[in-house]
């Protein structure tokens, strides 16, 4: 079968043996797999430089999957053959990940797909929504407190705004000037244009600074300066958390597969509370084109691969 692998900036198709599910695992026939910025980082070969993986000949590609279960291992109770599911492939060293014709995931990484949602849309949910949920949990803000979201128009940022607003958190969204209507539609109370004096602009609308920030755009220190003393800063990505100046609690979200959280996300999606955005669809053998498009920037939503 075919699976995508990459290294040194080159993504390519490999012929690999079909994976078999072990105890507590399901095998999914992939219908759609999203392309995320972490895929660009993976294919660059820089993962071991940050202590995230050993140095390998190639790295398997893809985190998000939507598809149909075609085989299960012993002990699986949550899914069976023919079930439509979404899942998260969160282990960096797996030899086969989501951008393949078949992928094996642990049962705890899989949930029933949103009813009636096309696989191409459903594949945009797992990585970004779980990262958003876990980042918000890490921030620990209460209803009525304020949160700065950088990169608010991006795939992760949009879900951060929506999920924070659903928790009653007041959101300051940072995005390009043309994205103001979009992020306000997600539930942002305030808008700050990207490229402005970030701390000054945020403190102009939230005097004293926001209670916390989730730095989806990896802005770093300018976003930290927008946070009040004793607030919280959540970084997205290894090595991106700044020093905890002014008593600010700085931490990093490292996403994990969580079926219970994924089921909660599915309920929200089915209720129309989450906005799925597909920016483009490419066949699996055109993955390099999708990567090139993502590198150029300005993508609103997710690019998706199909077999």
Protein backbone atom coordinates (compact mmCIF):
# COMPACT_ATOMS: atom_id res chain seq x y z
CA UNK A 1 0.00 0.00 0.00
CA UNK A 2 1.00 3.66 -0.33
CA UNK A 3 2.08 5.96 2.49
CA UNK A 4 3.76 9.36 2.60
CA UNK A 5 7.18 9.80 4.17
CA UNK A 6 9.56 12.71 4.23
CA UNK A 7 12.94 14.10 5.19
CA UNK A 8 15.28 16.95 4.23
CA UNK A 9 12.41 18.98 2.82
CA UNK A 10 11.22 16.28 0.43
CA UNK A 11 7.94 14.41 0.79
CA UNK A 12 7.50 11.24 -1.27
CA UNK A 13 5.27 8.22 -1.71
CA UNK A 14 6.51 4.90 -0.34
CA UNK A 15 5.23 1.38 -0.88
CA UNK A 16 4.91 -0.27 2.53
CA UNK A 17 3.29 -3.46 3.88
CA UNK A 18 -0.29 -3.11 5.07
CA UNK A 19 -0.31 -2.52 8.85
CA UNK A 20 -2.20 -4.96 11.09
CA UNK A 21 -4.04 -3.87 14.25
CA UNK A 22 -2.79 -5.30 17.53
CA UNK A 23 -4.66 -5.53 20.86
CA UNK A 24 -6.71 -2.42 21.50
CA UNK A 25 -6.13 -1.04 18.00
CA UNK A 26 -8.23 -0.29 14.95
CA UNK A 27 -7.25 -0.15 11.31
CA UNK A 28 -8.76 2.69 9.31
CA UNK A 29 -9.12 2.89 5.55
CA UNK A 30 -8.25 6.53 5.04
CA UNK A 31 -10.72 8.71 3.17
CA UNK A 32 -9.14 12.05 4.05
CA UNK A 33 -6.09 13.34 5.94
CA UNK A 34 -5.38 16.99 6.69
CA UNK A 35 -2.06 18.75 6.12
CA UNK A 36 -0.80 20.80 9.08
CA UNK A 37 2.23 23.00 9.81
CA UNK A 38 3.69 20.16 11.90
CA UNK A 39 3.94 18.19 8.64
CA UNK A 40 6.25 20.86 7.23
CA UNK A 41 8.36 20.67 10.37
CA UNK A 42 8.43 16.88 10.14
CA UNK A 43 9.49 16.73 6.52
CA UNK A 44 12.24 19.26 7.19
CA UNK A 45 14.03 16.61 9.25
CA UNK A 46 14.36 18.96 12.23
CA UNK A 47 12.45 16.83 14.75
CA UNK A 48 15.59 15.27 16.31
CA UNK A 49 17.24 18.70 16.57
CA UNK A 50 14.55 19.60 19.10
CA UNK A 51 14.77 16.32 21.00
CA UNK A 52 11.41 15.12 19.66
CA UNK A 53 12.55 11.96 17.87
CA UNK A 54 15.68 9.94 17.22
CA UNK A 55 17.29 10.58 13.85
CA UNK A 56 15.53 8.36 11.31
CA UNK A 57 16.01 7.69 7.61
CA UNK A 58 12.50 9.01 6.92
CA UNK A 59 9.52 10.21 8.94
CA UNK A 60 5.92 9.13 8.35
CA UNK A 61 3.50 11.96 7.61
CA UNK A 62 0.10 13.02 8.86
CA UNK A 63 -1.82 13.49 12.12
CA UNK A 64 -5.52 13.89 11.21
CA UNK A 65 -7.53 11.07 9.70
CA UNK A 66 -11.13 10.49 8.69
CA UNK A 67 -12.16 7.14 7.28
CA UNK A 68 -13.79 3.78 7.80
CA UNK A 69 -12.69 1.06 10.20
CA UNK A 70 -11.94 -2.10 8.23
CA UNK A 71 -10.34 -4.27 10.92
CA UNK A 72 -9.97 -4.28 14.70
CA UNK A 73 -7.58 -5.98 17.10
CA UNK A 74 -8.46 -8.04 20.17
CA UNK A 75 -10.24 -6.22 22.96
CA UNK A 76 -11.59 -3.30 20.94
CA UNK A 77 -15.09 -2.32 22.06
CA UNK A 78 -15.57 1.28 20.85
CA UNK A 79 -15.48 0.69 17.09
CA UNK A 80 -16.05 -2.06 14.57
CA UNK A 81 -15.65 -2.72 10.85
CA UNK A 82 -17.72 -0.32 8.78
CA UNK A 83 -17.78 2.46 11.40
CA UNK A 84 -16.95 5.93 10.16
CA UNK A 85 -14.39 7.51 12.47
CA UNK A 86 -11.94 10.34 12.96
CA UNK A 87 -8.67 9.97 14.81
CA UNK A 88 -5.33 11.44 15.76
CA UNK A 89 -1.99 9.85 14.95
CA UNK A 90 0.08 11.49 17.70
CA UNK A 91 3.25 9.36 17.82
CA UNK A 92 6.03 10.99 15.83
CA UNK A 93 7.97 7.75 15.32
CA UNK A 94 5.14 5.58 13.98
CA UNK A 95 6.28 4.04 10.67
CA UNK A 96 2.87 4.74 9.10
CA UNK A 97 0.78 7.77 10.00
CA UNK A 98 -2.42 9.33 8.71
CA UNK A 99 -1.27 10.32 5.21
CA UNK A 100 -1.54 6.79 3.86
CA UNK A 101 -4.13 4.44 2.42
CA UNK A 102 -4.43 2.56 5.73
CA UNK A 103 -3.44 3.57 9.25
CA UNK A 104 -3.57 1.74 12.60
CA UNK A 105 -4.44 3.76 15.70
CA UNK A 106 -5.00 2.88 19.33
CA UNK A 107 -8.67 2.73 20.28
CA UNK A 108 -8.24 5.71 22.62
CA UNK A 109 -7.21 7.87 19.63
CA UNK A 110 -10.46 7.35 17.69
CA UNK A 111 -14.06 8.57 17.90
CA UNK A 112 -17.14 8.23 15.74
CA UNK A 113 -17.11 10.81 12.94
CA UNK A 114 -19.67 13.64 13.05
CA UNK A 115 -22.92 12.38 11.58
CA UNK A 116 -23.51 13.63 8.05
CA UNK A 117 -20.19 15.44 7.78
CA UNK A 118 -18.09 14.62 4.70
CA UNK A 119 -14.75 12.98 5.46
CA UNK A 120 -12.87 15.89 3.88
CA UNK A 121 -14.34 18.26 6.49
CA UNK A 122 -14.12 15.79 9.38
CA UNK A 123 -10.39 15.33 8.75
CA UNK A 124 -9.78 18.96 9.73
CA UNK A 125 -10.97 18.39 13.31
CA UNK A 126 -8.73 16.10 15.39
CA UNK A 127 -5.33 17.79 15.67
CA UNK A 128 -6.45 21.39 15.87
CA UNK A 129 -9.48 20.93 18.09
CA UNK A 130 -7.64 18.67 20.54
CA UNK A 131 -4.72 21.11 20.64
CA UNK A 132 -7.17 23.93 21.32
CA UNK A 133 -9.03 22.04 24.05
CA UNK A 134 -5.81 21.00 25.77
CA UNK A 135 -4.28 24.49 25.46
CA UNK A 136 -7.39 26.04 27.03
CA UNK A 137 -7.32 23.47 29.82
CA UNK A 138 -3.66 24.30 30.42
CA UNK A 139 -4.44 28.02 30.53
CA UNK A 140 -7.15 27.33 33.10
CA UNK A 141 -9.03 30.59 32.56
CA UNK A 142 -12.45 31.05 34.13
CA UNK A 143 -15.62 32.36 32.56
CA UNK A 144 -15.36 36.12 32.07
CA UNK A 145 -11.55 36.19 31.99
CA UNK A 146 -9.71 37.41 28.90
CA UNK A 147 -7.62 35.43 26.41
CA UNK A 148 -5.39 36.64 23.59
CA UNK A 149 -5.30 34.28 20.59
CA UNK A 150 -2.58 34.94 18.03
CA UNK A 151 -3.07 33.52 14.55
CA UNK A 152 -6.81 33.60 15.20
CA UNK A 153 -7.76 33.09 11.53
CA UNK A 154 -5.66 29.93 11.16
CA UNK A 155 -6.75 26.35 11.53
CA UNK A 156 -5.81 26.14 15.20
CA UNK A 157 -6.57 29.77 16.00
CA UNK A 158 -10.12 29.62 14.70
CA UNK A 159 -10.95 26.64 16.91
CA UNK A 160 -9.27 28.33 19.88
CA UNK A 161 -11.52 31.36 19.48
CA UNK A 162 -14.68 29.27 19.11
CA UNK A 163 -13.92 26.91 21.99
CA UNK A 164 -12.83 29.73 24.30
CA UNK A 165 -15.99 31.68 23.54
CA UNK A 166 -18.07 28.60 24.29
CA UNK A 167 -16.44 28.54 27.75
CA UNK A 168 -17.46 32.14 28.32
CA UNK A 169 -13.91 33.44 27.95
CA UNK A 170 -13.58 36.90 26.40
CA UNK A 171 -11.27 36.68 23.39
CA UNK A 172 -8.89 39.19 21.84
CA UNK A 173 -8.15 37.87 18.35
CA UNK A 174 -5.02 38.74 16.38
CA UNK A 175 -5.20 38.23 12.61
CA UNK A 176 -4.68 40.02 9.30
CA UNK A 177 -6.84 43.15 8.84
CA UNK A 178 -9.01 41.40 6.27
CA UNK A 179 -9.85 38.62 8.72
CA UNK A 180 -11.64 40.76 11.31
CA UNK A 181 -15.15 39.70 10.27
CA UNK A 182 -14.07 36.06 10.19
CA UNK A 183 -12.64 35.96 13.72
CA UNK A 184 -15.46 38.02 15.16
CA UNK A 185 -17.77 35.44 13.63
CA UNK A 186 -15.90 32.78 15.62
CA UNK A 187 -16.79 34.66 18.80
CA UNK A 188 -13.93 37.13 19.36
CA UNK A 189 -14.98 40.17 21.39
CA UNK A 190 -11.99 42.30 20.38
CA UNK A 191 -9.80 42.39 17.27
CA UNK A 192 -6.17 43.48 16.89
CA UNK A 193 -4.61 43.66 13.43
CA UNK A 194 -1.48 41.61 12.94
CA UNK A 195 1.63 43.76 12.69
CA UNK A 196 0.45 46.40 15.14
CA UNK A 197 2.18 47.19 18.44
CA UNK A 198 0.68 44.03 19.89
CA UNK A 199 1.06 44.72 23.60
CA UNK A 200 -0.04 48.33 23.23
CA UNK A 201 -3.05 47.46 21.08
CA UNK A 202 -4.16 44.69 23.42
CA UNK A 203 -3.74 46.82 26.54
CA UNK A 204 -5.76 49.57 24.85
CA UNK A 205 -8.82 47.31 24.78
CA UNK A 206 -8.05 45.29 27.93
CA UNK A 207 -6.43 47.71 30.40
CA UNK A 208 -3.72 46.05 32.45
CA UNK A 209 -3.32 43.21 29.96
CA UNK A 210 -5.15 39.98 29.24
CA UNK A 211 -5.37 37.14 31.74
CA UNK A 212 -3.75 34.73 29.32
CA UNK A 213 -2.58 34.02 25.79
CA UNK A 214 -2.45 30.97 23.56
CA UNK A 215 0.25 31.82 21.05
CA UNK A 216 -0.90 29.88 17.99
CA UNK A 217 1.13 32.08 15.63
CA UNK A 218 4.36 31.73 17.64
CA UNK A 219 4.66 35.48 18.22
CA UNK A 220 6.60 35.03 21.47
CA UNK A 221 7.69 38.00 23.58
CA UNK A 222 5.31 40.63 22.11
CA UNK A 223 2.40 38.35 23.08
CA UNK A 224 3.88 37.81 26.55
CA UNK A 225 4.04 41.58 27.01
CA UNK A 226 0.28 41.75 26.43
CA UNK A 227 -0.39 39.52 29.46
CA UNK A 228 -0.95 40.95 32.95
CA UNK A 229 1.49 40.13 35.73
CA UNK A 230 0.72 36.70 37.16
CA UNK A 231 -1.20 35.65 34.05
CA UNK A 232 -0.60 32.64 31.84
CA UNK A 233 1.17 32.05 28.50
CA UNK A 234 0.59 28.83 26.56
CA UNK A 235 3.01 28.16 23.72
CA UNK A 236 2.26 25.91 20.79
CA UNK A 237 5.35 23.97 19.81
CA UNK A 238 8.56 22.77 21.41
CA UNK A 239 10.98 25.45 22.58
CA UNK A 240 8.56 28.34 22.03
CA UNK A 241 7.64 29.15 25.65
CA UNK A 242 9.29 32.41 26.80
CA UNK A 243 10.83 33.06 30.20
CA UNK A 244 8.14 33.55 32.88
CA UNK A 245 8.63 37.31 33.29
CA UNK A 246 6.44 39.21 35.77
CA UNK A 247 5.34 35.97 37.39
CA UNK A 248 3.56 34.83 34.23
CA UNK A 249 3.10 31.07 34.16
CA UNK A 250 4.59 29.92 30.87
CA UNK A 251 3.94 26.42 29.54
CA UNK A 252 3.71 24.49 26.28
CA UNK A 253 0.84 22.38 25.00
CA UNK A 254 1.94 19.01 23.59
CA UNK A 255 -1.18 17.51 22.05
CA UNK A 256 -2.23 13.97 22.90
CA UNK A 257 -4.90 11.69 21.47
CA UNK A 258 -7.95 11.57 23.73
CA UNK A 259 -11.10 9.78 22.61
CA UNK A 260 -13.31 11.39 25.27
CA UNK A 261 -12.27 14.89 24.25
CA UNK A 262 -12.65 13.94 20.60
CA UNK A 263 -16.21 12.75 21.27
CA UNK A 264 -16.98 16.11 22.90
CA UNK A 265 -15.60 17.86 19.81
CA UNK A 266 -17.79 15.70 17.57
CA UNK A 267 -20.89 16.70 19.57
CA UNK A 268 -20.03 20.37 19.13
CA UNK A 269 -19.44 19.88 15.40
CA UNK A 270 -22.76 18.06 15.00
CA UNK A 271 -24.50 20.92 16.83
CA UNK A 272 -22.96 23.45 14.43
CA UNK A 273 -20.79 25.04 17.13
CA UNK A 274 -17.48 24.48 15.33
CA UNK A 275 -16.55 25.81 11.89
CA UNK A 276 -14.74 23.36 9.63
CA UNK A 277 -12.80 25.04 6.84
CA UNK A 278 -11.33 23.20 3.87
CA UNK A 279 -8.89 25.39 1.96
CA UNK A 280 -8.16 22.86 -0.78
CA UNK A 281 -8.17 19.16 -1.64
CA UNK A 282 -5.27 17.24 -3.19
CA UNK A 283 -4.78 13.60 -4.08
CA UNK A 284 -2.25 11.74 -1.94
CA UNK A 285 0.25 11.62 -4.79
CA UNK A 286 0.10 15.44 -5.01
CA UNK A 287 1.09 15.97 -1.38
CA UNK A 288 4.17 17.95 -2.37
CA UNK A 289 1.90 20.54 -4.00
CA UNK A 290 -0.14 20.82 -0.82
CA UNK A 291 3.06 21.36 1.18
CA UNK A 292 4.21 24.05 -1.23
CA UNK A 293 0.85 25.80 -0.91
CA UNK A 294 1.08 25.73 2.88
CA UNK A 295 4.62 27.13 2.80
CA UNK A 296 3.42 30.14 0.76
CA UNK A 297 1.12 31.10 3.66
CA UNK A 298 -2.25 32.79 3.73
CA UNK A 299 -4.16 29.49 3.91
CA UNK A 300 -7.45 29.87 5.76
CA UNK A 301 -8.51 26.46 6.99
CA UNK A 302 -6.85 23.17 6.15
CA UNK A 303 -5.55 21.54 3.01
CA UNK A 304 -6.73 17.92 2.81
CA UNK A 305 -5.32 14.85 1.07
CA UNK A 306 -7.45 12.04 -0.32
CA UNK A 307 -6.26 8.59 -1.55
